[in-house]
Amino acid sequence: MNDAGTVAALGEPALLQGFRLAGAALYPATGAAQVKAAWSGLPDTVSAVILTPDAAKILSGEINAPTSPLTAVMP
């Protein structure tokens, strides 16, 4: 049994495609409303999220919450 969780990639669709090859679940979203909706809709099984720079700016307040998954921002 593997309980390590899944990895998600969230943000602008054009920047996410390569992460599909690595097995990440993609959550394409543009604009504040879509990004926030995608973030709040992440399944509980997601333990790490790769964010595009724009998505990280939009979620700057949410990603540091103690209950949030681990995040990494694309350069």
PDB file of N, CA and C in Angstrom:
ATOM      1  N   MET A   1       0.846  -1.185   0.000  1.00  0.00           N
ATOM      2  CA  MET A   1       0.000   0.000   0.000  1.00  0.00           C
ATOM      3  C   MET A   1       0.886   1.240   0.000  1.00  0.00           C
ATOM      4  N   ASN A   2       0.556   2.205  -0.836  1.00  0.00           N
ATOM      5  CA  ASN A   2       1.310   3.445  -0.920  1.00  0.00           C
ATOM      6  C   ASN A   2       0.410   4.580  -0.450  1.00  0.00           C
ATOM      7  N   ASP A   3       0.737   5.172   0.671  1.00  0.00           N
ATOM      8  CA  ASP A   3      -0.082   6.254   1.200  1.00  0.00           C
ATOM      9  C   ASP A   3       0.649   7.589   1.133  1.00  0.00           C
ATOM     10  N   ALA A   4       1.587   7.710   0.197  1.00  0.00           N
ATOM     11  CA  ALA A   4       2.372   8.933   0.065  1.00  0.00           C
ATOM     12  C   ALA A   4       1.570  10.079  -0.528  1.00  0.00           C
ATOM     13  N   GLY A   5       0.452   9.810  -1.135  1.00  0.00           N
ATOM     14  CA  GLY A   5      -0.357  10.861  -1.738  1.00  0.00           C
ATOM     15  C   GLY A   5       0.011  11.071  -3.189  1.00  0.00           C
ATOM     16  N   THR A   6      -0.707  11.968  -3.815  1.00  0.00           N
ATOM     17  CA  THR A   6      -0.475  12.248  -5.223  1.00  0.00           C
ATOM     18  C   THR A   6       0.095  13.646  -5.397  1.00  0.00           C
ATOM     19  N   VAL A   7       0.649  13.880  -6.576  1.00  0.00           N
ATOM     20  CA  VAL A   7       1.193  15.189  -6.925  1.00  0.00           C
ATOM     21  C   VAL A   7       0.258  15.823  -7.941  1.00  0.00           C
ATOM     22  N   ALA A   8      -0.001  17.097  -7.770  1.00  0.00           N
ATOM     23  CA  ALA A   8      -0.846  17.851  -8.693  1.00  0.00           C
ATOM     24  C   ALA A   8      -0.034  18.999  -9.275  1.00  0.00           C
ATOM     25  N   ALA A   9      -0.413  19.436 -10.455  1.00  0.00           N
ATOM     26  CA  ALA A   9       0.159  20.628 -11.079  1.00  0.00           C
ATOM     27  C   ALA A   9      -1.010  21.552 -11.407  1.00  0.00           C
ATOM     28  N   LEU A  10      -0.913  22.804 -10.978  1.00  0.00           N
ATOM     29  CA  LEU A  10      -2.037  23.731 -11.077  1.00  0.00           C
ATOM     30  C   LEU A  10      -1.579  25.045 -11.693  1.00  0.00           C
ATOM     31  N   GLY A  11      -2.336  25.521 -12.677  1.00  0.00           N
ATOM     32  CA  GLY A  11      -2.055  26.824 -13.278  1.00  0.00           C
ATOM     33  C   GLY A  11      -2.337  26.845 -14.759  1.00  0.00           C
ATOM     34  N   GLU A  12      -1.613  27.700 -15.479  1.00  0.00           N
ATOM     35  CA  GLU A  12      -1.851  27.891 -16.903  1.00  0.00           C
ATOM     36  C   GLU A  12      -1.631  26.587 -17.671  1.00  0.00           C
ATOM     37  N   PRO A  13      -2.602  26.182 -18.473  1.00  0.00           N
ATOM     38  CA  PRO A  13      -2.555  24.889 -19.158  1.00  0.00           C
ATOM     39  C   PRO A  13      -1.287  24.640 -19.971  1.00  0.00           C
ATOM     40  N   ALA A  14      -0.800  25.628 -20.684  1.00  0.00           N
ATOM     41  CA  ALA A  14       0.374  25.435 -21.538  1.00  0.00           C
ATOM     42  C   ALA A  14       1.622  25.070 -20.730  1.00  0.00           C
ATOM     43  N   LEU A  15       1.673  25.464 -19.471  1.00  0.00           N
ATOM     44  CA  LEU A  15       2.844  25.188 -18.640  1.00  0.00           C
ATOM     45  C   LEU A  15       2.756  23.861 -17.901  1.00  0.00           C
ATOM     46  N   LEU A  16       1.600  23.210 -17.932  1.00  0.00           N
ATOM     47  CA  LEU A  16       1.396  21.997 -17.144  1.00  0.00           C
ATOM     48  C   LEU A  16       1.655  20.706 -17.898  1.00  0.00           C
ATOM     49  N   GLN A  17       1.604  20.719 -19.210  1.00  0.00           N
ATOM     50  CA  GLN A  17       1.578  19.484 -19.988  1.00  0.00           C
ATOM     51  C   GLN A  17       2.718  18.518 -19.684  1.00  0.00           C
ATOM     52  N   GLY A  18       3.913  18.999 -19.479  1.00  0.00           N
ATOM     53  CA  GLY A  18       5.038  18.116 -19.197  1.00  0.00           C
ATOM     54  C   GLY A  18       4.878  17.337 -17.905  1.00  0.00           C
ATOM     55  N   PHE A  19       4.137  17.853 -16.962  1.00  0.00           N
ATOM     56  CA  PHE A  19       3.955  17.180 -15.681  1.00  0.00           C
ATOM     57  C   PHE A  19       3.042  15.968 -15.789  1.00  0.00           C
ATOM     58  N   ARG A  20       2.241  15.903 -16.840  1.00  0.00           N
ATOM     59  CA  ARG A  20       1.401  14.729 -17.072  1.00  0.00           C
ATOM     60  C   ARG A  20       2.286  13.505 -17.300  1.00  0.00           C
ATOM     61  N   LEU A  21       3.387  13.701 -18.023  1.00  0.00           N
ATOM     62  CA  LEU A  21       4.315  12.604 -18.299  1.00  0.00           C
ATOM     63  C   LEU A  21       4.941  12.053 -17.021  1.00  0.00           C
ATOM     64  N   ALA A  22       5.056  12.886 -16.015  1.00  0.00           N
ATOM     65  CA  ALA A  22       5.637  12.463 -14.737  1.00  0.00           C
ATOM     66  C   ALA A  22       4.585  11.870 -13.797  1.00  0.00           C
ATOM     67  N   GLY A  23       3.339  11.854 -14.232  1.00  0.00           N
ATOM     68  CA  GLY A  23       2.282  11.250 -13.434  1.00  0.00           C
ATOM     69  C   GLY A  23       1.498  12.203 -12.558  1.00  0.00           C
ATOM     70  N   ALA A  24       1.726  13.496 -12.696  1.00  0.00           N
ATOM     71  CA  ALA A  24       0.980  14.467 -11.896  1.00  0.00           C
ATOM     72  C   ALA A  24      -0.443  14.620 -12.424  1.00  0.00           C
ATOM     73  N   ALA A  25      -1.366  14.865 -11.520  1.00  0.00           N
ATOM     74  CA  ALA A  25      -2.740  15.197 -11.901  1.00  0.00           C
ATOM     75  C   ALA A  25      -2.760  16.674 -12.280  1.00  0.00           C
ATOM     76  N   LEU A  26      -3.306  16.988 -13.429  1.00  0.00           N
ATOM     77  CA  LEU A  26      -3.302  18.371 -13.904  1.00  0.00           C
ATOM     78  C   LEU A  26      -4.596  19.088 -13.547  1.00  0.00           C
ATOM     79  N   TYR A  27      -4.428  20.316 -13.095  1.00  0.00           N
ATOM     80  CA  TYR A  27      -5.555  21.188 -12.772  1.00  0.00           C
ATOM     81  C   TYR A  27      -5.345  22.505 -13.507  1.00  0.00           C
ATOM     82  N   PRO A  28      -5.682  22.530 -14.803  1.00  0.00           N
ATOM     83  CA  PRO A  28      -5.493  23.749 -15.579  1.00  0.00           C
ATOM     84  C   PRO A  28      -6.456  24.837 -15.125  1.00  0.00           C
ATOM     85  N   ALA A  29      -5.913  26.033 -14.947  1.00  0.00           N
ATOM     86  CA  ALA A  29      -6.743  27.148 -14.492  1.00  0.00           C
ATOM     87  C   ALA A  29      -6.063  28.456 -14.856  1.00  0.00           C
ATOM     88  N   THR A  30      -6.850  29.397 -15.321  1.00  0.00           N
ATOM     89  CA  THR A  30      -6.351  30.737 -15.605  1.00  0.00           C
ATOM     90  C   THR A  30      -7.248  31.742 -14.912  1.00  0.00           C
ATOM     91  N   GLY A  31      -6.672  32.785 -14.417  1.00  0.00           N
ATOM     92  CA  GLY A  31      -7.444  33.796 -13.720  1.00  0.00           C
ATOM     93  C   GLY A  31      -7.700  33.415 -12.278  1.00  0.00           C
ATOM     94  N   ALA A  32      -7.916  34.414 -11.463  1.00  0.00           N
ATOM     95  CA  ALA A  32      -8.063  34.216 -10.022  1.00  0.00           C
ATOM     96  C   ALA A  32      -9.197  33.267  -9.652  1.00  0.00           C
ATOM     97  N   ALA A  33     -10.347  33.434 -10.265  1.00  0.00           N
ATOM     98  CA  ALA A  33     -11.501  32.604  -9.890  1.00  0.00           C
ATOM     99  C   ALA A  33     -11.241  31.128 -10.190  1.00  0.00           C
ATOM    100  N   GLN A  34     -10.708  30.824 -11.368  1.00  0.00           N
ATOM    101  CA  GLN A  34     -10.436  29.432 -11.725  1.00  0.00           C
ATOM    102  C   GLN A  34      -9.338  28.830 -10.852  1.00  0.00           C
ATOM    103  N   VAL A  35      -8.294  29.595 -10.599  1.00  0.00           N
ATOM    104  CA  VAL A  35      -7.185  29.088  -9.773  1.00  0.00           C
ATOM    105  C   VAL A  35      -7.673  28.791  -8.360  1.00  0.00           C
ATOM    106  N   LYS A  36      -8.407  29.705  -7.771  1.00  0.00           N
ATOM    107  CA  LYS A  36      -8.909  29.488  -6.407  1.00  0.00           C
ATOM    108  C   LYS A  36      -9.890  28.314  -6.349  1.00  0.00           C
ATOM    109  N   ALA A  37     -10.715  28.175  -7.378  1.00  0.00           N
ATOM    110  CA  ALA A  37     -11.648  27.044  -7.418  1.00  0.00           C
ATOM    111  C   ALA A  37     -10.899  25.723  -7.550  1.00  0.00           C
ATOM    112  N   ALA A  38      -9.879  25.688  -8.395  1.00  0.00           N
ATOM    113  CA  ALA A  38      -9.086  24.466  -8.557  1.00  0.00           C
ATOM    114  C   ALA A  38      -8.375  24.116  -7.258  1.00  0.00           C
ATOM    115  N   TRP A  39      -7.801  25.109  -6.597  1.00  0.00           N
ATOM    116  CA  TRP A  39      -7.099  24.881  -5.324  1.00  0.00           C
ATOM    117  C   TRP A  39      -8.048  24.330  -4.268  1.00  0.00           C
ATOM    118  N   SER A  40      -9.192  24.949  -4.131  1.00  0.00           N
ATOM    119  CA  SER A  40     -10.132  24.503  -3.101  1.00  0.00           C
ATOM    120  C   SER A  40     -10.754  23.154  -3.446  1.00  0.00           C
ATOM    121  N   GLY A  41     -10.721  22.774  -4.724  1.00  0.00           N
ATOM    122  CA  GLY A  41     -11.281  21.501  -5.144  1.00  0.00           C
ATOM    123  C   GLY A  41     -10.283  20.350  -5.195  1.00  0.00           C
ATOM    124  N   LEU A  42      -9.046  20.594  -4.772  1.00  0.00           N
ATOM    125  CA  LEU A  42      -8.057  19.511  -4.784  1.00  0.00           C
ATOM    126  C   LEU A  42      -8.506  18.384  -3.860  1.00  0.00           C
ATOM    127  N   PRO A  43      -8.364  17.143  -4.308  1.00  0.00           N
ATOM    128  CA  PRO A  43      -8.738  16.021  -3.435  1.00  0.00           C
ATOM    129  C   PRO A  43      -7.824  15.933  -2.214  1.00  0.00           C
ATOM    130  N   ASP A  44      -8.310  15.326  -1.170  1.00  0.00           N
ATOM    131  CA  ASP A  44      -7.521  15.150   0.055  1.00  0.00           C
ATOM    132  C   ASP A  44      -6.296  14.280  -0.170  1.00  0.00           C
ATOM    133  N   THR A  45      -6.279  13.514  -1.249  1.00  0.00           N
ATOM    134  CA  THR A  45      -5.155  12.631  -1.538  1.00  0.00           C
ATOM    135  C   THR A  45      -3.944  13.374  -2.094  1.00  0.00           C
ATOM    136  N   VAL A  46      -4.102  14.646  -2.462  1.00  0.00           N
ATOM    137  CA  VAL A  46      -2.988  15.431  -2.998  1.00  0.00           C
ATOM    138  C   VAL A  46      -2.093  15.872  -1.851  1.00  0.00           C
ATOM    139  N   SER A  47      -0.813  15.492  -1.935  1.00  0.00           N
ATOM    140  CA  SER A  47       0.127  15.859  -0.871  1.00  0.00           C
ATOM    141  C   SER A  47       1.133  16.912  -1.321  1.00  0.00           C
ATOM    142  N   ALA A  48       1.257  17.126  -2.633  1.00  0.00           N
ATOM    143  CA  ALA A  48       2.170  18.144  -3.157  1.00  0.00           C
ATOM    144  C   ALA A  48       1.574  18.763  -4.413  1.00  0.00           C
ATOM    145  N   VAL A  49       1.778  20.077  -4.548  1.00  0.00           N
ATOM    146  CA  VAL A  49       1.233  20.801  -5.694  1.00  0.00           C
ATOM    147  C   VAL A  49       2.332  21.638  -6.330  1.00  0.00           C
ATOM    148  N   ILE A  50       2.497  21.481  -7.629  1.00  0.00           N
ATOM    149  CA  ILE A  50       3.404  22.316  -8.408  1.00  0.00           C
ATOM    150  C   ILE A  50       2.558  23.437  -8.988  1.00  0.00           C
ATOM    151  N   LEU A  51       2.952  24.675  -8.711  1.00  0.00           N
ATOM    152  CA  LEU A  51       2.182  25.829  -9.151  1.00  0.00           C
ATOM    153  C   LEU A  51       2.938  26.613 -10.215  1.00  0.00           C
ATOM    154  N   THR A  52       2.199  27.136 -11.182  1.00  0.00           N
ATOM    155  CA  THR A  52       2.804  28.084 -12.106  1.00  0.00           C
ATOM    156  C   THR A  52       3.010  29.388 -11.331  1.00  0.00           C
ATOM    157  N   PRO A  53       3.917  30.248 -11.787  1.00  0.00           N
ATOM    158  CA  PRO A  53       4.149  31.503 -11.057  1.00  0.00           C
ATOM    159  C   PRO A  53       2.899  32.350 -10.855  1.00  0.00           C
ATOM    160  N   ASP A  54       2.062  32.462 -11.891  1.00  0.00           N
ATOM    161  CA  ASP A  54       0.840  33.265 -11.751  1.00  0.00           C
ATOM    162  C   ASP A  54      -0.111  32.648 -10.729  1.00  0.00           C
ATOM    163  N   ALA A  55      -0.242  31.326 -10.745  1.00  0.00           N
ATOM    164  CA  ALA A  55      -1.119  30.666  -9.774  1.00  0.00           C
ATOM    165  C   ALA A  55      -0.594  30.868  -8.359  1.00  0.00           C
ATOM    166  N   ALA A  56       0.717  30.818  -8.191  1.00  0.00           N
ATOM    167  CA  ALA A  56       1.302  31.018  -6.866  1.00  0.00           C
ATOM    168  C   ALA A  56       1.010  32.426  -6.343  1.00  0.00           C
ATOM    169  N   LYS A  57       1.061  33.415  -7.212  1.00  0.00           N
ATOM    170  CA  LYS A  57       0.741  34.792  -6.791  1.00  0.00           C
ATOM    171  C   LYS A  57      -0.710  34.886  -6.330  1.00  0.00           C
ATOM    172  N   ILE A  58      -1.592  34.245  -7.073  1.00  0.00           N
ATOM    173  CA  ILE A  58      -3.012  34.281  -6.726  1.00  0.00           C
ATOM    174  C   ILE A  58      -3.270  33.581  -5.398  1.00  0.00           C
ATOM    175  N   LEU A  59      -2.548  32.500  -5.140  1.00  0.00           N
ATOM    176  CA  LEU A  59      -2.771  31.688  -3.942  1.00  0.00           C
ATOM    177  C   LEU A  59      -1.816  32.015  -2.802  1.00  0.00           C
ATOM    178  N   SER A  60      -1.145  33.150  -2.860  1.00  0.00           N
ATOM    179  CA  SER A  60      -0.116  33.463  -1.868  1.00  0.00           C
ATOM    180  C   SER A  60      -0.607  33.354  -0.424  1.00  0.00           C
ATOM    181  N   GLY A  61      -1.841  33.673  -0.170  1.00  0.00           N
ATOM    182  CA  GLY A  61      -2.367  33.564   1.189  1.00  0.00           C
ATOM    183  C   GLY A  61      -2.744  32.148   1.580  1.00  0.00           C
ATOM    184  N   GLU A  62      -3.157  31.341   0.629  1.00  0.00           N
ATOM    185  CA  GLU A  62      -3.637  29.998   0.924  1.00  0.00           C
ATOM    186  C   GLU A  62      -2.540  28.949   1.043  1.00  0.00           C
ATOM    187  N   ILE A  63      -1.456  29.115   0.297  1.00  0.00           N
ATOM    188  CA  ILE A  63      -0.460  28.039   0.238  1.00  0.00           C
ATOM    189  C   ILE A  63       0.346  27.891   1.521  1.00  0.00           C
ATOM    190  N   ASN A  64       0.314  28.883   2.387  1.00  0.00           N
ATOM    191  CA  ASN A  64       1.067  28.801   3.637  1.00  0.00           C
ATOM    192  C   ASN A  64       0.237  28.323   4.822  1.00  0.00           C
ATOM    193  N   ALA A  65      -1.003  27.994   4.588  1.00  0.00           N
ATOM    194  CA  ALA A  65      -1.849  27.491   5.669  1.00  0.00           C
ATOM    195  C   ALA A  65      -1.320  26.136   6.147  1.00  0.00           C
ATOM    196  N   PRO A  66      -1.370  25.889   7.433  1.00  0.00           N
ATOM    197  CA  PRO A  66      -0.834  24.626   7.974  1.00  0.00           C
ATOM    198  C   PRO A  66      -1.467  23.365   7.382  1.00  0.00           C
ATOM    199  N   THR A  67      -2.679  23.447   6.921  1.00  0.00           N
ATOM    200  CA  THR A  67      -3.350  22.275   6.373  1.00  0.00           C
ATOM    201  C   THR A  67      -3.183  22.131   4.858  1.00  0.00           C
ATOM    202  N   SER A  68      -2.478  23.061   4.238  1.00  0.00           N
ATOM    203  CA  SER A  68      -2.270  23.020   2.794  1.00  0.00           C
ATOM    204  C   SER A  68      -1.217  21.968   2.434  1.00  0.00           C
ATOM    205  N   PRO A  69      -1.343  21.411   1.228  1.00  0.00           N
ATOM    206  CA  PRO A  69      -0.298  20.487   0.780  1.00  0.00           C
ATOM    207  C   PRO A  69       1.009  21.227   0.536  1.00  0.00           C
ATOM    208  N   LEU A  70       2.083  20.488   0.482  1.00  0.00           N
ATOM    209  CA  LEU A  70       3.386  21.033   0.146  1.00  0.00           C
ATOM    210  C   LEU A  70       3.310  21.658  -1.246  1.00  0.00           C
ATOM    211  N   THR A  71       3.904  22.818  -1.448  1.00  0.00           N
ATOM    212  CA  THR A  71       3.854  23.454  -2.751  1.00  0.00           C
ATOM    213  C   THR A  71       5.254  23.769  -3.257  1.00  0.00           C
ATOM    214  N   ALA A  72       5.382  23.779  -4.562  1.00  0.00           N
ATOM    215  CA  ALA A  72       6.591  24.215  -5.247  1.00  0.00           C
ATOM    216  C   ALA A  72       6.150  25.096  -6.402  1.00  0.00           C
ATOM    217  N   VAL A  73       6.897  26.168  -6.638  1.00  0.00           N
ATOM    218  CA  VAL A  73       6.550  27.099  -7.702  1.00  0.00           C
ATOM    219  C   VAL A  73       7.543  26.949  -8.845  1.00  0.00           C
ATOM    220  N   MET A  74       7.019  26.827 -10.055  1.00  0.00           N
ATOM    221  CA  MET A  74       7.876  26.740 -11.242  1.00  0.00           C
ATOM    222  C   MET A  74       8.702  28.003 -11.363  1.00  0.00           C
ATOM    223  N   PRO A  75       9.921  27.856 -11.834  1.00  0.00           N
ATOM    224  CA  PRO A  75      10.735  29.075 -12.049  1.00  0.00           C
ATOM    225  C   PRO A  75      10.211  29.893 -13.216  1.00  0.00           C
TER     226      PRO A  75
END
